[in-house]
Amino acid sequence: MSQARTNLFSTIKLAGEVILGKERQIRLSLACLLARGHLLIEDLPGVGKTTLAHTLAQLLGLRFSRIQFTSDLLPADIIGSSIYDREKGSFHFLPGPIFSQVLLADEINRATPKTQSALLEAMEERQVSAEGETHRLPTPFFVIATQNPSYQIGTFALPESQMDRFLMRIDLGYPDRDAERQLLTGGNPRERMSTLPIALGTNELQALQSEIGEVHAAPPLIDYVQALVEQTRHDRAFVHGLSPRAALALLAAGRAWAFMEGRTMALPEDIQAVFPGVAGHRLRLAQGNGHATAENLANLIERTPLP
């Protein structure tokens, strides 16, 4: 086992000492990062969304920025703006907080759609455009966005084009009784987080990201991914099925999960493990305004034959 892979497992273990009882969510978050995607965490306030983002950035030693999205936030507050230099007699670009390696877009659905859309180019192209000039973003570049449930006051639902930019969406949920007991008796998680070492260096992370593409996906597995995607397109429970971009995301996430399981070949169980996180926010229910439920997604998997 390579040192980088060993350090990856150390990262999971150390993160679990701060985010108690949520190993699966931690593993999904890291799988999303390894697959070069972006992560959306949707849940109630106070369950640890922001703490998870801070913890991952700390363990990976990545440059971290947090943007608190509010209704009066402007695109320039995210991207940056040009400032006039009186000595040089010219304008120069002052980068905004988006020029970081881990960007926490906190409560993203409290900002207006215009401001939300400022993230689109950055998430897809890894660059931003300001006043006719293109600026490359750092590498790696990982957006972790949090949002509160849409029924809460003061939220603006993310458009489907924005939702599709997130490779995965997860929720944390309430901790179980034992984890909550540890939380109540073990002190402030943020204090534990501040003492975490860098467990996985930037060069190691980029090496692992490159290895994900080498995880073998046999033709029968590709058939299985296609079959799952086609099931969503024929299911009348949804407004529309998964796009080709979603199919690529599903395969990339499945490869990352297989890698984290110590395998060099992706299996159907890897695709099944990441399917809810990849597909749930992309499938809008035909009845009502919500997205696919855990039951909907489990039914899709059950109805799709294994290769």
C-alpha atoms as a PDB file:
ATOM      1  CA  MET A   1       0.000   0.000   0.000  1.00  0.00           C
ATOM      2  CA  SER A   2       1.398   3.403  -0.963  1.00  0.00           C
ATOM      3  CA  GLN A   3       2.076   6.054   1.667  1.00  0.00           C
ATOM      4  CA  ALA A   4      -0.492   8.350   0.042  1.00  0.00           C
ATOM      5  CA  ARG A   5      -3.212   5.697   0.356  1.00  0.00           C
ATOM      6  CA  THR A   6      -2.221   5.061   3.976  1.00  0.00           C
ATOM      7  CA  ASN A   7      -2.478   8.786   4.662  1.00  0.00           C
ATOM      8  CA  LEU A   8      -5.914   8.821   3.023  1.00  0.00           C
ATOM      9  CA  PHE A   9      -7.176   6.270   5.538  1.00  0.00           C
ATOM     10  CA  SER A  10      -5.584   8.310   8.335  1.00  0.00           C
ATOM     11  CA  THR A  11      -7.535  11.309   7.074  1.00  0.00           C
ATOM     12  CA  ILE A  12     -10.803   9.361   7.352  1.00  0.00           C
ATOM     13  CA  LYS A  13      -9.941   8.205  10.876  1.00  0.00           C
ATOM     14  CA  LEU A  14      -8.955  11.659  12.118  1.00  0.00           C
ATOM     15  CA  ALA A  15     -12.025  13.299  10.555  1.00  0.00           C
ATOM     16  CA  GLY A  16     -14.178  10.727  12.351  1.00  0.00           C
ATOM     17  CA  GLU A  17     -12.779  11.919  15.676  1.00  0.00           C
ATOM     18  CA  VAL A  18     -14.320  15.350  15.015  1.00  0.00           C
ATOM     19  CA  ILE A  19     -17.439  14.451  12.990  1.00  0.00           C
ATOM     20  CA  LEU A  20     -18.658  11.691  15.278  1.00  0.00           C
ATOM     21  CA  GLY A  21     -20.645   8.741  13.921  1.00  0.00           C
ATOM     22  CA  LYS A  22     -20.540   9.948  10.294  1.00  0.00           C
ATOM     23  CA  GLU A  23     -17.819   7.818   8.681  1.00  0.00           C
ATOM     24  CA  ARG A  24     -19.905   7.119   5.584  1.00  0.00           C
ATOM     25  CA  GLN A  25     -20.494  10.831   4.938  1.00  0.00           C
ATOM     26  CA  ILE A  26     -16.780  11.520   5.444  1.00  0.00           C
ATOM     27  CA  ARG A  27     -15.882   8.779   2.951  1.00  0.00           C
ATOM     28  CA  LEU A  28     -18.400  10.101   0.422  1.00  0.00           C
ATOM     29  CA  SER A  29     -16.969  13.617   0.799  1.00  0.00           C
ATOM     30  CA  LEU A  30     -13.446  12.365   0.128  1.00  0.00           C
ATOM     31  CA  ALA A  31     -14.637  10.218  -2.786  1.00  0.00           C
ATOM     32  CA  CYS A  32     -16.165  13.373  -4.272  1.00  0.00           C
ATOM     33  CA  LEU A  33     -12.857  15.217  -3.881  1.00  0.00           C
ATOM     34  CA  LEU A  34     -10.829  12.322  -5.340  1.00  0.00           C
ATOM     35  CA  ALA A  35     -13.167  12.270  -8.359  1.00  0.00           C
ATOM     36  CA  ARG A  36     -12.459  16.016  -8.852  1.00  0.00           C
ATOM     37  CA  GLY A  37     -16.059  16.935  -8.136  1.00  0.00           C
ATOM     38  CA  HIS A  38     -17.831  19.405  -5.870  1.00  0.00           C
ATOM     39  CA  LEU A  39     -19.979  18.605  -2.843  1.00  0.00           C
ATOM     40  CA  LEU A  40     -23.369  19.893  -1.707  1.00  0.00           C
ATOM     41  CA  ILE A  41     -24.391  19.254   1.902  1.00  0.00           C
ATOM     42  CA  GLU A  42     -28.080  19.824   2.603  1.00  0.00           C
ATOM     43  CA  ASP A  43     -29.400  19.596   6.135  1.00  0.00           C
ATOM     44  CA  LEU A  44     -30.709  21.476   9.129  1.00  0.00           C
ATOM     45  CA  PRO A  45     -28.543  24.117  10.818  1.00  0.00           C
ATOM     46  CA  GLY A  46     -26.323  22.842  13.604  1.00  0.00           C
ATOM     47  CA  VAL A  47     -25.665  19.245  12.498  1.00  0.00           C
ATOM     48  CA  GLY A  48     -22.020  19.779  11.505  1.00  0.00           C
ATOM     49  CA  LYS A  49     -22.006  20.855   7.837  1.00  0.00           C
ATOM     50  CA  THR A  50     -19.526  23.694   8.329  1.00  0.00           C
ATOM     51  CA  THR A  51     -17.401  21.674  10.750  1.00  0.00           C
ATOM     52  CA  LEU A  52     -17.020  18.900   8.156  1.00  0.00           C
ATOM     53  CA  ALA A  53     -15.743  21.380   5.552  1.00  0.00           C
ATOM     54  CA  HIS A  54     -13.278  22.956   8.003  1.00  0.00           C
ATOM     55  CA  THR A  55     -12.054  19.530   9.130  1.00  0.00           C
ATOM     56  CA  LEU A  56     -11.320  18.298   5.602  1.00  0.00           C
ATOM     57  CA  ALA A  57      -9.444  21.487   4.706  1.00  0.00           C
ATOM     58  CA  GLN A  58      -7.385  21.237   7.897  1.00  0.00           C
ATOM     59  CA  LEU A  59      -6.465  17.568   7.356  1.00  0.00           C
ATOM     60  CA  LEU A  60      -5.543  18.145   3.713  1.00  0.00           C
ATOM     61  CA  GLY A  61      -3.519  21.292   4.376  1.00  0.00           C
ATOM     62  CA  LEU A  62      -5.363  23.157   1.633  1.00  0.00           C
ATOM     63  CA  ARG A  63      -5.890  26.920   1.420  1.00  0.00           C
ATOM     64  CA  PHE A  64      -9.386  27.501   2.759  1.00  0.00           C
ATOM     65  CA  SER A  65     -11.937  30.293   2.307  1.00  0.00           C
ATOM     66  CA  ARG A  66     -15.450  30.624   3.599  1.00  0.00           C
ATOM     67  CA  ILE A  67     -18.153  32.764   2.028  1.00  0.00           C
ATOM     68  CA  GLN A  68     -21.312  33.323   4.047  1.00  0.00           C
ATOM     69  CA  PHE A  69     -24.023  33.621   1.399  1.00  0.00           C
ATOM     70  CA  THR A  70     -26.661  36.254   2.147  1.00  0.00           C
ATOM     71  CA  SER A  71     -29.350  37.983   0.125  1.00  0.00           C
ATOM     72  CA  ASP A  72     -27.188  41.092  -0.386  1.00  0.00           C
ATOM     73  CA  LEU A  73     -24.045  39.236  -1.534  1.00  0.00           C
ATOM     74  CA  LEU A  74     -22.844  40.308  -5.006  1.00  0.00           C
ATOM     75  CA  PRO A  75     -20.905  38.271  -7.633  1.00  0.00           C
ATOM     76  CA  ALA A  76     -17.904  40.595  -7.205  1.00  0.00           C
ATOM     77  CA  ASP A  77     -17.822  39.667  -3.512  1.00  0.00           C
ATOM     78  CA  ILE A  78     -17.014  36.109  -4.619  1.00  0.00           C
ATOM     79  CA  ILE A  79     -14.911  36.564  -7.744  1.00  0.00           C
ATOM     80  CA  GLY A  80     -13.108  39.803  -6.959  1.00  0.00           C
ATOM     81  CA  SER A  81     -12.909  43.142  -8.728  1.00  0.00           C
ATOM     82  CA  SER A  82     -10.524  45.530 -10.422  1.00  0.00           C
ATOM     83  CA  ILE A  83      -8.982  48.258  -8.291  1.00  0.00           C
ATOM     84  CA  TYR A  84      -7.471  51.465  -9.666  1.00  0.00           C
ATOM     85  CA  ASP A  85      -3.802  51.894  -8.806  1.00  0.00           C
ATOM     86  CA  ARG A  86      -3.120  55.638  -8.679  1.00  0.00           C
ATOM     87  CA  GLU A  87       0.671  55.209  -8.751  1.00  0.00           C
ATOM     88  CA  LYS A  88       0.644  53.062 -11.899  1.00  0.00           C
ATOM     89  CA  GLY A  89      -2.357  54.805 -13.414  1.00  0.00           C
ATOM     90  CA  SER A  90      -4.063  51.525 -14.250  1.00  0.00           C
ATOM     91  CA  PHE A  91      -6.481  48.936 -12.895  1.00  0.00           C
ATOM     92  CA  HIS A  92      -5.368  45.630 -11.418  1.00  0.00           C
ATOM     93  CA  PHE A  93      -7.474  42.625 -10.435  1.00  0.00           C
ATOM     94  CA  LEU A  94      -7.924  41.967  -6.728  1.00  0.00           C
ATOM     95  CA  PRO A  95      -8.868  38.256  -6.347  1.00  0.00           C
ATOM     96  CA  GLY A  96     -11.882  37.361  -4.242  1.00  0.00           C
ATOM     97  CA  PRO A  97     -12.243  34.478  -1.789  1.00  0.00           C
ATOM     98  CA  ILE A  98     -13.002  32.036  -4.608  1.00  0.00           C
ATOM     99  CA  PHE A  99      -9.235  31.893  -5.247  1.00  0.00           C
ATOM    100  CA  SER A 100      -8.710  29.154  -2.686  1.00  0.00           C
ATOM    101  CA  GLN A 101      -8.286  25.387  -2.828  1.00  0.00           C
ATOM    102  CA  VAL A 102     -11.265  24.575  -0.623  1.00  0.00           C
ATOM    103  CA  LEU A 103     -14.155  27.015  -0.852  1.00  0.00           C
ATOM    104  CA  LEU A 104     -16.974  26.732   1.658  1.00  0.00           C
ATOM    105  CA  ALA A 105     -20.092  28.334   0.183  1.00  0.00           C
ATOM    106  CA  ASP A 106     -22.090  28.456   3.396  1.00  0.00           C
ATOM    107  CA  GLU A 107     -25.893  28.525   3.105  1.00  0.00           C
ATOM    108  CA  ILE A 108     -25.641  28.977  -0.653  1.00  0.00           C
ATOM    109  CA  ASN A 109     -29.410  29.070  -1.104  1.00  0.00           C
ATOM    110  CA  ARG A 110     -29.718  32.265   0.938  1.00  0.00           C
ATOM    111  CA  ALA A 111     -28.125  34.239  -1.913  1.00  0.00           C
ATOM    112  CA  THR A 112     -29.981  35.469  -4.986  1.00  0.00           C
ATOM    113  CA  PRO A 113     -29.839  33.435  -8.225  1.00  0.00           C
ATOM    114  CA  LYS A 114     -27.550  36.046  -9.814  1.00  0.00           C
ATOM    115  CA  THR A 115     -24.951  35.534  -7.109  1.00  0.00           C
ATOM    116  CA  GLN A 116     -25.383  31.751  -7.114  1.00  0.00           C
ATOM    117  CA  SER A 117     -24.621  31.712 -10.836  1.00  0.00           C
ATOM    118  CA  ALA A 118     -21.245  33.380 -10.201  1.00  0.00           C
ATOM    119  CA  LEU A 119     -20.013  29.964  -9.090  1.00  0.00           C
ATOM    120  CA  LEU A 120     -21.044  28.168 -12.303  1.00  0.00           C
ATOM    121  CA  GLU A 121     -18.027  28.923 -14.472  1.00  0.00           C
ATOM    122  CA  ALA A 122     -15.658  28.422 -11.564  1.00  0.00           C
ATOM    123  CA  MET A 123     -17.048  24.983 -10.707  1.00  0.00           C
ATOM    124  CA  GLU A 124     -17.139  23.742 -14.282  1.00  0.00           C
ATOM    125  CA  GLU A 125     -14.164  25.436 -15.942  1.00  0.00           C
ATOM    126  CA  ARG A 126     -11.890  25.970 -12.896  1.00  0.00           C
ATOM    127  CA  GLN A 127     -11.547  29.605 -13.938  1.00  0.00           C
ATOM    128  CA  VAL A 128     -13.387  32.907 -13.599  1.00  0.00           C
ATOM    129  CA  SER A 129     -13.890  35.801 -15.980  1.00  0.00           C
ATOM    130  CA  ALA A 130     -13.841  39.380 -14.765  1.00  0.00           C
ATOM    131  CA  GLU A 131     -14.011  42.447 -16.990  1.00  0.00           C
ATOM    132  CA  GLY A 132     -12.980  40.538 -20.090  1.00  0.00           C
ATOM    133  CA  GLU A 133     -10.047  38.698 -18.505  1.00  0.00           C
ATOM    134  CA  THR A 134      -9.843  35.030 -17.564  1.00  0.00           C
ATOM    135  CA  HIS A 135      -8.188  34.000 -14.306  1.00  0.00           C
ATOM    136  CA  ARG A 136      -7.266  30.400 -13.500  1.00  0.00           C
ATOM    137  CA  LEU A 137      -8.193  29.015 -10.100  1.00  0.00           C
ATOM    138  CA  PRO A 138      -5.774  27.115  -7.838  1.00  0.00           C
ATOM    139  CA  THR A 139      -5.327  23.353  -8.062  1.00  0.00           C
ATOM    140  CA  PRO A 140      -6.945  21.412  -6.514  1.00  0.00           C
ATOM    141  CA  PHE A 141     -10.190  23.385  -6.382  1.00  0.00           C
ATOM    142  CA  PHE A 142     -12.987  21.896  -4.279  1.00  0.00           C
ATOM    143  CA  VAL A 143     -16.287  23.629  -3.560  1.00  0.00           C
ATOM    144  CA  ILE A 144     -18.252  22.471  -0.532  1.00  0.00           C
ATOM    145  CA  ALA A 145     -21.621  24.205  -0.480  1.00  0.00           C
ATOM    146  CA  THR A 146     -24.096  23.926   2.356  1.00  0.00           C
ATOM    147  CA  GLN A 147     -27.746  24.726   2.154  1.00  0.00           C
ATOM    148  CA  ASN A 148     -30.685  24.682   4.503  1.00  0.00           C
ATOM    149  CA  PRO A 149     -33.924  22.875   3.592  1.00  0.00           C
ATOM    150  CA  SER A 150     -35.890  24.823   0.987  1.00  0.00           C
ATOM    151  CA  TYR A 151     -38.925  25.178   3.243  1.00  0.00           C
ATOM    152  CA  GLN A 152     -36.979  27.461   5.595  1.00  0.00           C
ATOM    153  CA  ILE A 153     -37.608  31.196   5.369  1.00  0.00           C
ATOM    154  CA  GLY A 154     -35.247  33.273   3.236  1.00  0.00           C
ATOM    155  CA  THR A 155     -34.015  30.622   0.833  1.00  0.00           C
ATOM    156  CA  PHE A 156     -33.758  30.683  -2.980  1.00  0.00           C
ATOM    157  CA  ALA A 157     -33.873  27.241  -4.568  1.00  0.00           C
ATOM    158  CA  LEU A 158     -30.778  26.387  -6.595  1.00  0.00           C
ATOM    159  CA  PRO A 159     -31.573  26.104 -10.330  1.00  0.00           C
ATOM    160  CA  GLU A 160     -31.088  22.690 -11.919  1.00  0.00           C
ATOM    161  CA  SER A 161     -28.055  23.915 -13.884  1.00  0.00           C
ATOM    162  CA  GLN A 162     -26.367  24.813 -10.591  1.00  0.00           C
ATOM    163  CA  MET A 163     -27.382  21.566  -8.866  1.00  0.00           C
ATOM    164  CA  ASP A 164     -25.883  19.584 -11.737  1.00  0.00           C
ATOM    165  CA  ARG A 165     -22.460  21.160 -11.082  1.00  0.00           C
ATOM    166  CA  PHE A 166     -22.261  19.285  -7.796  1.00  0.00           C
ATOM    167  CA  LEU A 167     -20.989  15.749  -8.262  1.00  0.00           C
ATOM    168  CA  MET A 168     -22.622  14.680  -4.987  1.00  0.00           C
ATOM    169  CA  ARG A 169     -25.184  15.823  -2.474  1.00  0.00           C
ATOM    170  CA  ILE A 170     -25.175  14.353   1.028  1.00  0.00           C
ATOM    171  CA  ASP A 171     -26.916  14.991   4.327  1.00  0.00           C
ATOM    172  CA  LEU A 172     -25.489  14.476   7.794  1.00  0.00           C
ATOM    173  CA  GLY A 173     -28.611  13.962   9.876  1.00  0.00           C
ATOM    174  CA  TYR A 174     -28.790  13.812  13.637  1.00  0.00           C
ATOM    175  CA  PRO A 175     -26.044  11.845  15.430  1.00  0.00           C
ATOM    176  CA  ASP A 176     -26.969   8.538  17.022  1.00  0.00           C
ATOM    177  CA  ARG A 177     -27.271   8.397  20.807  1.00  0.00           C
ATOM    178  CA  ASP A 178     -23.713   7.187  21.442  1.00  0.00           C
ATOM    179  CA  ALA A 179     -22.154   9.782  19.114  1.00  0.00           C
ATOM    180  CA  GLU A 180     -24.195  12.573  20.665  1.00  0.00           C
ATOM    181  CA  ARG A 181     -23.134  11.415  24.139  1.00  0.00           C
ATOM    182  CA  GLN A 182     -19.484  11.621  23.058  1.00  0.00           C
ATOM    183  CA  LEU A 183     -20.170  15.077  21.650  1.00  0.00           C
ATOM    184  CA  LEU A 184     -21.711  16.277  24.904  1.00  0.00           C
ATOM    185  CA  THR A 185     -18.940  14.907  27.108  1.00  0.00           C
ATOM    186  CA  GLY A 186     -15.924  15.391  24.833  1.00  0.00           C
ATOM    187  CA  GLY A 187     -15.729  19.154  24.528  1.00  0.00           C
ATOM    188  CA  ASN A 188     -16.098  21.508  21.586  1.00  0.00           C
ATOM    189  CA  PRO A 189     -15.458  19.797  18.188  1.00  0.00           C
ATOM    190  CA  ARG A 190     -13.930  23.026  16.848  1.00  0.00           C
ATOM    191  CA  GLU A 191     -11.267  22.883  19.543  1.00  0.00           C
ATOM    192  CA  ARG A 192     -10.373  19.318  18.516  1.00  0.00           C
ATOM    193  CA  MET A 193     -10.372  20.397  14.882  1.00  0.00           C
ATOM    194  CA  SER A 194      -7.811  23.142  15.525  1.00  0.00           C
ATOM    195  CA  THR A 195      -5.294  20.554  16.772  1.00  0.00           C
ATOM    196  CA  LEU A 196      -5.554  18.252  13.734  1.00  0.00           C
ATOM    197  CA  PRO A 197      -2.352  17.654  11.767  1.00  0.00           C
ATOM    198  CA  ILE A 198      -2.036  17.702   7.989  1.00  0.00           C
ATOM    199  CA  ALA A 199      -2.670  14.042   7.200  1.00  0.00           C
ATOM    200  CA  LEU A 200      -2.570  14.132   3.387  1.00  0.00           C
ATOM    201  CA  GLY A 201      -0.365  16.584   1.493  1.00  0.00           C
ATOM    202  CA  THR A 202      -1.394  18.434  -1.663  1.00  0.00           C
ATOM    203  CA  ASN A 203       1.003  16.464  -3.864  1.00  0.00           C
ATOM    204  CA  GLU A 204      -0.289  13.197  -2.407  1.00  0.00           C
ATOM    205  CA  LEU A 205      -3.878  14.259  -3.003  1.00  0.00           C
ATOM    206  CA  GLN A 206      -3.185  15.114  -6.639  1.00  0.00           C
ATOM    207  CA  ALA A 207      -1.391  11.779  -7.098  1.00  0.00           C
ATOM    208  CA  LEU A 208      -4.424   9.941  -5.707  1.00  0.00           C
ATOM    209  CA  GLN A 209      -6.754  11.920  -7.996  1.00  0.00           C
ATOM    210  CA  SER A 210      -4.669  10.751 -10.965  1.00  0.00           C
ATOM    211  CA  GLU A 211      -4.879   7.141  -9.776  1.00  0.00           C
ATOM    212  CA  ILE A 212      -8.685   7.247  -9.749  1.00  0.00           C
ATOM    213  CA  GLY A 213      -8.741   7.357 -13.552  1.00  0.00           C
ATOM    214  CA  GLU A 214      -6.718   4.144 -13.631  1.00  0.00           C
ATOM    215  CA  VAL A 215      -9.326   2.149 -11.682  1.00  0.00           C
ATOM    216  CA  HIS A 216     -10.624  -0.370 -14.216  1.00  0.00           C
ATOM    217  CA  ALA A 217     -14.253  -0.199 -15.327  1.00  0.00           C
ATOM    218  CA  ALA A 218     -15.049  -3.371 -17.290  1.00  0.00           C
ATOM    219  CA  PRO A 219     -17.615  -3.293 -20.137  1.00  0.00           C
ATOM    220  CA  PRO A 220     -20.266  -5.075 -17.989  1.00  0.00           C
ATOM    221  CA  LEU A 221     -19.905  -2.317 -15.383  1.00  0.00           C
ATOM    222  CA  ILE A 222     -20.401   0.342 -18.061  1.00  0.00           C
ATOM    223  CA  ASP A 223     -23.525  -1.594 -19.101  1.00  0.00           C
ATOM    224  CA  TYR A 224     -24.742  -1.416 -15.510  1.00  0.00           C
ATOM    225  CA  VAL A 225     -24.184   2.351 -15.294  1.00  0.00           C
ATOM    226  CA  GLN A 226     -26.081   2.812 -18.549  1.00  0.00           C
ATOM    227  CA  ALA A 227     -28.905   0.584 -17.322  1.00  0.00           C
ATOM    228  CA  LEU A 228     -29.281   2.618 -14.116  1.00  0.00           C
ATOM    229  CA  VAL A 229     -29.315   5.884 -16.051  1.00  0.00           C
ATOM    230  CA  GLU A 230     -31.885   4.526 -18.522  1.00  0.00           C
ATOM    231  CA  GLN A 231     -34.114   3.429 -15.634  1.00  0.00           C
ATOM    232  CA  THR A 232     -34.302   7.055 -14.473  1.00  0.00           C
ATOM    233  CA  ARG A 233     -35.236   8.229 -17.962  1.00  0.00           C
ATOM    234  CA  HIS A 234     -38.179   5.840 -18.197  1.00  0.00           C
ATOM    235  CA  ASP A 235     -39.437   6.294 -14.654  1.00  0.00           C
ATOM    236  CA  ARG A 236     -42.572   8.452 -14.586  1.00  0.00           C
ATOM    237  CA  ALA A 237     -41.885   9.392 -10.976  1.00  0.00           C
ATOM    238  CA  PHE A 238     -39.339  11.933 -12.228  1.00  0.00           C
ATOM    239  CA  VAL A 239     -39.645  15.008 -14.425  1.00  0.00           C
ATOM    240  CA  HIS A 240     -36.618  13.868 -16.427  1.00  0.00           C
ATOM    241  CA  GLY A 241     -33.878  11.296 -16.101  1.00  0.00           C
ATOM    242  CA  LEU A 242     -30.154  11.537 -15.568  1.00  0.00           C
ATOM    243  CA  SER A 243     -28.049  13.310 -18.193  1.00  0.00           C
ATOM    244  CA  PRO A 244     -24.847  12.000 -19.819  1.00  0.00           C
ATOM    245  CA  ARG A 245     -22.936  14.331 -17.472  1.00  0.00           C
ATOM    246  CA  ALA A 246     -24.587  12.573 -14.528  1.00  0.00           C
ATOM    247  CA  ALA A 247     -23.583   9.186 -15.974  1.00  0.00           C
ATOM    248  CA  LEU A 248     -19.954  10.341 -16.140  1.00  0.00           C
ATOM    249  CA  ALA A 249     -20.203  11.612 -12.565  1.00  0.00           C
ATOM    250  CA  LEU A 250     -21.631   8.275 -11.418  1.00  0.00           C
ATOM    251  CA  LEU A 251     -18.776   6.335 -13.007  1.00  0.00           C
ATOM    252  CA  ALA A 252     -16.116   8.702 -11.616  1.00  0.00           C
ATOM    253  CA  ALA A 253     -17.575   8.510  -8.107  1.00  0.00           C
ATOM    254  CA  GLY A 254     -17.843   4.718  -8.363  1.00  0.00           C
ATOM    255  CA  ARG A 255     -14.177   4.494  -9.320  1.00  0.00           C
ATOM    256  CA  ALA A 256     -13.225   6.713  -6.376  1.00  0.00           C
ATOM    257  CA  TRP A 257     -15.249   4.548  -3.983  1.00  0.00           C
ATOM    258  CA  ALA A 258     -13.613   1.369  -5.336  1.00  0.00           C
ATOM    259  CA  PHE A 259     -10.201   2.975  -4.832  1.00  0.00           C
ATOM    260  CA  MET A 260     -11.054   3.831  -1.229  1.00  0.00           C
ATOM    261  CA  GLU A 261     -12.125   0.217  -0.736  1.00  0.00           C
ATOM    262  CA  GLY A 262      -8.655  -0.874  -1.845  1.00  0.00           C
ATOM    263  CA  ARG A 263      -9.648  -2.264  -5.245  1.00  0.00           C
ATOM    264  CA  THR A 264      -8.201  -1.610  -8.694  1.00  0.00           C
ATOM    265  CA  MET A 265     -11.482  -2.526 -10.411  1.00  0.00           C
ATOM    266  CA  ALA A 266     -14.867  -0.875  -9.869  1.00  0.00           C
ATOM    267  CA  LEU A 267     -17.767  -3.215  -9.042  1.00  0.00           C
ATOM    268  CA  PRO A 268     -21.556  -2.733  -9.137  1.00  0.00           C
ATOM    269  CA  GLU A 269     -21.545  -2.364  -5.349  1.00  0.00           C
ATOM    270  CA  ASP A 270     -19.316   0.706  -5.740  1.00  0.00           C
ATOM    271  CA  ILE A 271     -21.809   2.275  -8.136  1.00  0.00           C
ATOM    272  CA  GLN A 272     -24.653   1.440  -5.752  1.00  0.00           C
ATOM    273  CA  ALA A 273     -22.770   2.988  -2.821  1.00  0.00           C
ATOM    274  CA  VAL A 274     -22.451   6.390  -4.516  1.00  0.00           C
ATOM    275  CA  PHE A 275     -25.686   6.331  -6.551  1.00  0.00           C
ATOM    276  CA  PRO A 276     -27.881   8.140  -3.966  1.00  0.00           C
ATOM    277  CA  GLY A 277     -25.303  10.913  -3.551  1.00  0.00           C
ATOM    278  CA  VAL A 278     -24.825  11.375  -7.299  1.00  0.00           C
ATOM    279  CA  ALA A 279     -28.422  10.963  -8.482  1.00  0.00           C
ATOM    280  CA  GLY A 280     -30.623  12.239  -5.668  1.00  0.00           C
ATOM    281  CA  HIS A 281     -30.252  15.981  -6.319  1.00  0.00           C
ATOM    282  CA  ARG A 282     -30.492  15.540 -10.099  1.00  0.00           C
ATOM    283  CA  LEU A 283     -33.856  13.758 -10.121  1.00  0.00           C
ATOM    284  CA  ARG A 284     -36.836  16.018  -9.518  1.00  0.00           C
ATOM    285  CA  LEU A 285     -40.106  14.339  -8.595  1.00  0.00           C
ATOM    286  CA  ALA A 286     -43.003  14.715 -11.040  1.00  0.00           C
ATOM    287  CA  GLN A 287     -45.411  15.167  -8.132  1.00  0.00           C
ATOM    288  CA  GLY A 288     -44.443  18.075  -5.887  1.00  0.00           C
ATOM    289  CA  ASN A 289     -41.301  20.200  -5.838  1.00  0.00           C
ATOM    290  CA  GLY A 290     -38.899  17.835  -4.118  1.00  0.00           C
ATOM    291  CA  HIS A 291     -36.086  15.613  -5.294  1.00  0.00           C
ATOM    292  CA  ALA A 292     -35.801  11.840  -5.301  1.00  0.00           C
ATOM    293  CA  THR A 293     -36.101  10.192  -1.898  1.00  0.00           C
ATOM    294  CA  ALA A 294     -34.004   7.362  -0.508  1.00  0.00           C
ATOM    295  CA  GLU A 295     -36.904   5.029  -1.273  1.00  0.00           C
ATOM    296  CA  ASN A 296     -37.061   6.181  -4.920  1.00  0.00           C
ATOM    297  CA  LEU A 297     -33.352   5.560  -5.357  1.00  0.00           C
ATOM    298  CA  ALA A 298     -33.437   2.175  -3.634  1.00  0.00           C
ATOM    299  CA  ASN A 299     -36.262   1.116  -5.976  1.00  0.00           C
ATOM    300  CA  LEU A 300     -34.201   2.148  -9.007  1.00  0.00           C
ATOM    301  CA  ILE A 301     -31.295   0.015  -7.852  1.00  0.00           C
ATOM    302  CA  GLU A 302     -33.592  -2.919  -7.076  1.00  0.00           C
ATOM    303  CA  ARG A 303     -35.201  -2.792 -10.533  1.00  0.00           C
ATOM    304  CA  THR A 304     -31.889  -2.626 -12.415  1.00  0.00           C
ATOM    305  CA  PRO A 305     -30.451  -6.105 -13.105  1.00  0.00           C
ATOM    306  CA  LEU A 306     -26.861  -6.724 -12.099  1.00  0.00           C
ATOM    307  CA  PRO A 307     -24.442  -7.505 -14.942  1.00  0.00           C
END
